[in-house]
């Protein structure tokens, strides 16, 4: 199966970027994993892995520094659109995020952006609801079972492919 062209669409800031340098490591229509380097230079992290749970409405990224150390886990609440004609997959950031630090502490972030996007009509009520319901599903899963099962596909891949780091 040929991988689609992957795009990241955001409302704040308003942008749609082709993730042309992301490398597909695993792929199915509902879940897949990529390896990537940052698009723009960052001081804290330079690269990482992302596992997309399209069927659940979120993705998790392992942000790494230059030495391969974990900076943090970052869960984005997302939705997606697939363009069959152009074999393009648009990952749409629904603004709410969950950050888990190496010590296991958890923060929910960017709810202010979610509110702003709704108030300024960048997103409609359906997307607002989708974001909140996916965030609730994610947090319920983390509180019940921890975050480890959600990051396991990335950790297993790294463990089984040490030469691909």
C-alpha atoms as a PDB file:
ATOM      1  CA  UNK A   1       0.000   0.000   0.000  1.00  0.00           C
ATOM      2  CA  UNK A   2       1.418   3.382  -0.980  1.00  0.00           C
ATOM      3  CA  UNK A   3       1.557   5.808   1.911  1.00  0.00           C
ATOM      4  CA  UNK A   4      -0.465   8.977   1.538  1.00  0.00           C
ATOM      5  CA  UNK A   5       1.056  12.425   1.536  1.00  0.00           C
ATOM      6  CA  UNK A   6       0.719  13.610   5.107  1.00  0.00           C
ATOM      7  CA  UNK A   7      -0.360  17.146   6.039  1.00  0.00           C
ATOM      8  CA  UNK A   8      -0.686  18.902   9.394  1.00  0.00           C
ATOM      9  CA  UNK A   9      -3.527  21.424   9.463  1.00  0.00           C
ATOM     10  CA  UNK A  10      -3.797  23.848  12.368  1.00  0.00           C
ATOM     11  CA  UNK A  11      -6.284  26.569  13.250  1.00  0.00           C
ATOM     12  CA  UNK A  12      -3.970  28.547  15.576  1.00  0.00           C
ATOM     13  CA  UNK A  13      -1.803  29.484  13.827  1.00  0.00           C
ATOM     14  CA  UNK A  14      -3.753  29.009  10.613  1.00  0.00           C
ATOM     15  CA  UNK A  15      -1.514  26.761   8.528  1.00  0.00           C
ATOM     16  CA  UNK A  16      -1.413  23.592   6.508  1.00  0.00           C
ATOM     17  CA  UNK A  17       2.039  22.060   6.145  1.00  0.00           C
ATOM     18  CA  UNK A  18       3.090  19.013   4.151  1.00  0.00           C
ATOM     19  CA  UNK A  19       5.028  16.674   6.417  1.00  0.00           C
ATOM     20  CA  UNK A  20       7.048  15.533   3.431  1.00  0.00           C
ATOM     21  CA  UNK A  21      10.096  14.512   5.444  1.00  0.00           C
ATOM     22  CA  UNK A  22       8.219  12.341   7.950  1.00  0.00           C
ATOM     23  CA  UNK A  23       9.098   8.681   7.516  1.00  0.00           C
ATOM     24  CA  UNK A  24       6.301   6.118   7.745  1.00  0.00           C
ATOM     25  CA  UNK A  25       7.365   3.223   9.971  1.00  0.00           C
ATOM     26  CA  UNK A  26       4.006   1.425  10.146  1.00  0.00           C
ATOM     27  CA  UNK A  27       0.793   2.147   8.301  1.00  0.00           C
ATOM     28  CA  UNK A  28      -2.852   1.109   8.293  1.00  0.00           C
ATOM     29  CA  UNK A  29      -5.936   3.157   7.519  1.00  0.00           C
ATOM     30  CA  UNK A  30      -6.760   3.713  11.209  1.00  0.00           C
ATOM     31  CA  UNK A  31      -3.342   3.724  12.902  1.00  0.00           C
ATOM     32  CA  UNK A  32       0.196   4.465  11.850  1.00  0.00           C
ATOM     33  CA  UNK A  33       3.585   5.634  13.071  1.00  0.00           C
ATOM     34  CA  UNK A  34       6.122   8.121  11.736  1.00  0.00           C
ATOM     35  CA  UNK A  35       9.649   9.227  12.570  1.00  0.00           C
ATOM     36  CA  UNK A  36      10.427  12.912  12.099  1.00  0.00           C
ATOM     37  CA  UNK A  37      12.780  15.819  12.624  1.00  0.00           C
ATOM     38  CA  UNK A  38      11.439  19.204  13.663  1.00  0.00           C
ATOM     39  CA  UNK A  39      10.238  21.475  10.871  1.00  0.00           C
ATOM     40  CA  UNK A  40      11.513  24.569  12.654  1.00  0.00           C
ATOM     41  CA  UNK A  41      14.531  24.640  14.962  1.00  0.00           C
ATOM     42  CA  UNK A  42      13.585  24.092  18.603  1.00  0.00           C
ATOM     43  CA  UNK A  43      15.828  24.445  21.634  1.00  0.00           C
ATOM     44  CA  UNK A  44      14.345  21.592  23.692  1.00  0.00           C
ATOM     45  CA  UNK A  45      13.802  18.880  21.100  1.00  0.00           C
ATOM     46  CA  UNK A  46      14.965  18.032  17.596  1.00  0.00           C
ATOM     47  CA  UNK A  47      13.218  14.832  16.555  1.00  0.00           C
ATOM     48  CA  UNK A  48      10.813  12.136  17.577  1.00  0.00           C
ATOM     49  CA  UNK A  49       8.167   9.585  16.779  1.00  0.00           C
ATOM     50  CA  UNK A  50       4.411   9.940  16.409  1.00  0.00           C
ATOM     51  CA  UNK A  51       1.779   7.237  16.664  1.00  0.00           C
ATOM     52  CA  UNK A  52      -1.583   8.206  15.174  1.00  0.00           C
ATOM     53  CA  UNK A  53      -4.754   6.748  16.671  1.00  0.00           C
ATOM     54  CA  UNK A  54      -7.080   8.022  13.940  1.00  0.00           C
ATOM     55  CA  UNK A  55      -9.822   5.734  15.223  1.00  0.00           C
ATOM     56  CA  UNK A  56      -9.648   7.373  18.667  1.00  0.00           C
ATOM     57  CA  UNK A  57      -9.130  11.030  17.716  1.00  0.00           C
ATOM     58  CA  UNK A  58      -5.620  11.592  19.020  1.00  0.00           C
ATOM     59  CA  UNK A  59      -1.954  11.039  18.332  1.00  0.00           C
ATOM     60  CA  UNK A  60       0.988  10.693  20.701  1.00  0.00           C
ATOM     61  CA  UNK A  61       4.475  11.987  20.011  1.00  0.00           C
ATOM     62  CA  UNK A  62       7.712  11.155  21.747  1.00  0.00           C
ATOM     63  CA  UNK A  63       9.771  14.336  21.675  1.00  0.00           C
ATOM     64  CA  UNK A  64      13.512  13.672  21.858  1.00  0.00           C
ATOM     65  CA  UNK A  65      16.562  15.872  22.268  1.00  0.00           C
ATOM     66  CA  UNK A  66      19.776  15.604  20.218  1.00  0.00           C
ATOM     67  CA  UNK A  67      21.006  12.785  22.465  1.00  0.00           C
ATOM     68  CA  UNK A  68      17.859  10.700  22.091  1.00  0.00           C
ATOM     69  CA  UNK A  69      16.574  11.547  25.579  1.00  0.00           C
ATOM     70  CA  UNK A  70      12.867  11.902  26.241  1.00  0.00           C
ATOM     71  CA  UNK A  71      11.823  15.540  26.605  1.00  0.00           C
ATOM     72  CA  UNK A  72       8.118  14.699  27.012  1.00  0.00           C
ATOM     73  CA  UNK A  73       5.167  12.788  25.596  1.00  0.00           C
ATOM     74  CA  UNK A  74       2.713  14.990  23.739  1.00  0.00           C
ATOM     75  CA  UNK A  75      -0.850  13.925  22.958  1.00  0.00           C
ATOM     76  CA  UNK A  76      -2.634  16.014  20.307  1.00  0.00           C
ATOM     77  CA  UNK A  77      -6.397  15.823  19.957  1.00  0.00           C
ATOM     78  CA  UNK A  78      -7.023  15.460  16.230  1.00  0.00           C
ATOM     79  CA  UNK A  79      -9.414  14.597  13.473  1.00  0.00           C
ATOM     80  CA  UNK A  80      -8.538  13.776   9.891  1.00  0.00           C
ATOM     81  CA  UNK A  81      -9.682  14.004   6.302  1.00  0.00           C
ATOM     82  CA  UNK A  82      -8.540  11.765   3.482  1.00  0.00           C
ATOM     83  CA  UNK A  83      -8.367  13.010  -0.104  1.00  0.00           C
ATOM     84  CA  UNK A  84      -8.636   9.852  -2.239  1.00  0.00           C
ATOM     85  CA  UNK A  85      -8.021  11.665  -5.499  1.00  0.00           C
ATOM     86  CA  UNK A  86      -4.617  12.961  -4.367  1.00  0.00           C
ATOM     87  CA  UNK A  87      -3.802  10.214  -1.830  1.00  0.00           C
ATOM     88  CA  UNK A  88      -3.439  12.883   0.855  1.00  0.00           C
ATOM     89  CA  UNK A  89      -4.167  12.581   4.553  1.00  0.00           C
ATOM     90  CA  UNK A  90      -4.879  15.796   6.458  1.00  0.00           C
ATOM     91  CA  UNK A  91      -4.344  15.588  10.202  1.00  0.00           C
ATOM     92  CA  UNK A  92      -6.376  18.400  11.745  1.00  0.00           C
ATOM     93  CA  UNK A  93      -5.226  19.650  15.135  1.00  0.00           C
ATOM     94  CA  UNK A  94      -8.235  20.189  17.404  1.00  0.00           C
ATOM     95  CA  UNK A  95      -6.160  22.338  19.769  1.00  0.00           C
ATOM     96  CA  UNK A  96      -6.535  20.548  23.130  1.00  0.00           C
ATOM     97  CA  UNK A  97      -3.378  18.705  24.171  1.00  0.00           C
ATOM     98  CA  UNK A  98      -2.035  16.566  27.001  1.00  0.00           C
ATOM     99  CA  UNK A  99       1.639  16.687  27.979  1.00  0.00           C
ATOM    100  CA  UNK A 100       3.263  13.990  30.104  1.00  0.00           C
ATOM    101  CA  UNK A 101       6.693  14.772  31.506  1.00  0.00           C
ATOM    102  CA  UNK A 102       9.391  12.139  32.092  1.00  0.00           C
ATOM    103  CA  UNK A 103       8.453  12.071  35.792  1.00  0.00           C
ATOM    104  CA  UNK A 104       4.890  11.079  34.820  1.00  0.00           C
ATOM    105  CA  UNK A 105       3.262  14.402  35.680  1.00  0.00           C
ATOM    106  CA  UNK A 106       0.386  15.303  33.374  1.00  0.00           C
ATOM    107  CA  UNK A 107      -0.911  18.663  32.135  1.00  0.00           C
ATOM    108  CA  UNK A 108      -3.866  19.449  29.900  1.00  0.00           C
ATOM    109  CA  UNK A 109      -2.948  22.462  27.760  1.00  0.00           C
ATOM    110  CA  UNK A 110      -4.335  24.819  25.126  1.00  0.00           C
ATOM    111  CA  UNK A 111      -7.962  24.743  26.214  1.00  0.00           C
ATOM    112  CA  UNK A 112      -7.811  28.538  25.939  1.00  0.00           C
ATOM    113  CA  UNK A 113      -6.963  28.136  22.245  1.00  0.00           C
ATOM    114  CA  UNK A 114      -9.875  25.747  21.817  1.00  0.00           C
ATOM    115  CA  UNK A 115     -12.218  28.342  23.347  1.00  0.00           C
ATOM    116  CA  UNK A 116     -10.724  31.140  21.220  1.00  0.00           C
ATOM    117  CA  UNK A 117     -11.080  29.086  18.036  1.00  0.00           C
ATOM    118  CA  UNK A 118     -14.744  28.484  18.798  1.00  0.00           C
ATOM    119  CA  UNK A 119     -15.453  32.098  19.784  1.00  0.00           C
ATOM    120  CA  UNK A 120     -13.814  33.445  16.616  1.00  0.00           C
ATOM    121  CA  UNK A 121     -15.540  30.791  14.475  1.00  0.00           C
ATOM    122  CA  UNK A 122     -12.348  29.085  13.349  1.00  0.00           C
ATOM    123  CA  UNK A 123     -14.070  25.869  14.399  1.00  0.00           C
ATOM    124  CA  UNK A 124     -17.751  25.034  14.610  1.00  0.00           C
ATOM    125  CA  UNK A 125     -19.725  23.365  17.392  1.00  0.00           C
ATOM    126  CA  UNK A 126     -19.219  19.914  15.873  1.00  0.00           C
ATOM    127  CA  UNK A 127     -15.411  20.237  15.996  1.00  0.00           C
ATOM    128  CA  UNK A 128     -15.550  21.683  19.507  1.00  0.00           C
ATOM    129  CA  UNK A 129     -17.583  18.675  20.661  1.00  0.00           C
ATOM    130  CA  UNK A 130     -15.297  16.269  18.814  1.00  0.00           C
ATOM    131  CA  UNK A 131     -12.258  17.810  20.514  1.00  0.00           C
ATOM    132  CA  UNK A 132     -13.765  17.657  23.989  1.00  0.00           C
ATOM    133  CA  UNK A 133     -15.066  14.103  23.557  1.00  0.00           C
ATOM    134  CA  UNK A 134     -11.691  12.852  22.248  1.00  0.00           C
ATOM    135  CA  UNK A 135      -9.902  14.626  25.110  1.00  0.00           C
ATOM    136  CA  UNK A 136     -12.277  12.961  27.583  1.00  0.00           C
ATOM    137  CA  UNK A 137     -11.698   9.548  25.978  1.00  0.00           C
ATOM    138  CA  UNK A 138      -7.926  10.041  26.172  1.00  0.00           C
ATOM    139  CA  UNK A 139      -7.926  11.209  29.802  1.00  0.00           C
ATOM    140  CA  UNK A 140     -10.301   8.410  30.839  1.00  0.00           C
ATOM    141  CA  UNK A 141      -7.920   5.897  29.266  1.00  0.00           C
ATOM    142  CA  UNK A 142      -4.859   7.424  30.934  1.00  0.00           C
ATOM    143  CA  UNK A 143      -6.536   7.600  34.362  1.00  0.00           C
ATOM    144  CA  UNK A 144      -7.738   3.991  34.097  1.00  0.00           C
ATOM    145  CA  UNK A 145      -4.680   2.288  32.597  1.00  0.00           C
ATOM    146  CA  UNK A 146      -1.834   4.829  32.615  1.00  0.00           C
ATOM    147  CA  UNK A 147      -0.263   6.321  29.517  1.00  0.00           C
ATOM    148  CA  UNK A 148       2.148   3.424  28.964  1.00  0.00           C
ATOM    149  CA  UNK A 149      -0.230   1.300  26.828  1.00  0.00           C
ATOM    150  CA  UNK A 150      -0.750   4.299  24.513  1.00  0.00           C
ATOM    151  CA  UNK A 151       2.969   4.897  24.004  1.00  0.00           C
ATOM    152  CA  UNK A 152       3.804   1.174  23.773  1.00  0.00           C
ATOM    153  CA  UNK A 153       3.740   1.054  19.942  1.00  0.00           C
ATOM    154  CA  UNK A 154       6.494   3.688  19.838  1.00  0.00           C
ATOM    155  CA  UNK A 155       8.522   2.121  22.645  1.00  0.00           C
ATOM    156  CA  UNK A 156       8.196  -1.347  21.091  1.00  0.00           C
ATOM    157  CA  UNK A 157       9.310  -0.053  17.707  1.00  0.00           C
ATOM    158  CA  UNK A 158      12.371   1.668  19.201  1.00  0.00           C
ATOM    159  CA  UNK A 159      13.236  -1.445  21.223  1.00  0.00           C
ATOM    160  CA  UNK A 160      12.936  -3.708  18.163  1.00  0.00           C
ATOM    161  CA  UNK A 161      14.721  -1.308  15.758  1.00  0.00           C
ATOM    162  CA  UNK A 162      17.644   0.171  17.717  1.00  0.00           C
ATOM    163  CA  UNK A 163      19.486   0.967  14.477  1.00  0.00           C
ATOM    164  CA  UNK A 164      16.629   3.256  13.329  1.00  0.00           C
ATOM    165  CA  UNK A 165      17.045   5.852  16.080  1.00  0.00           C
END
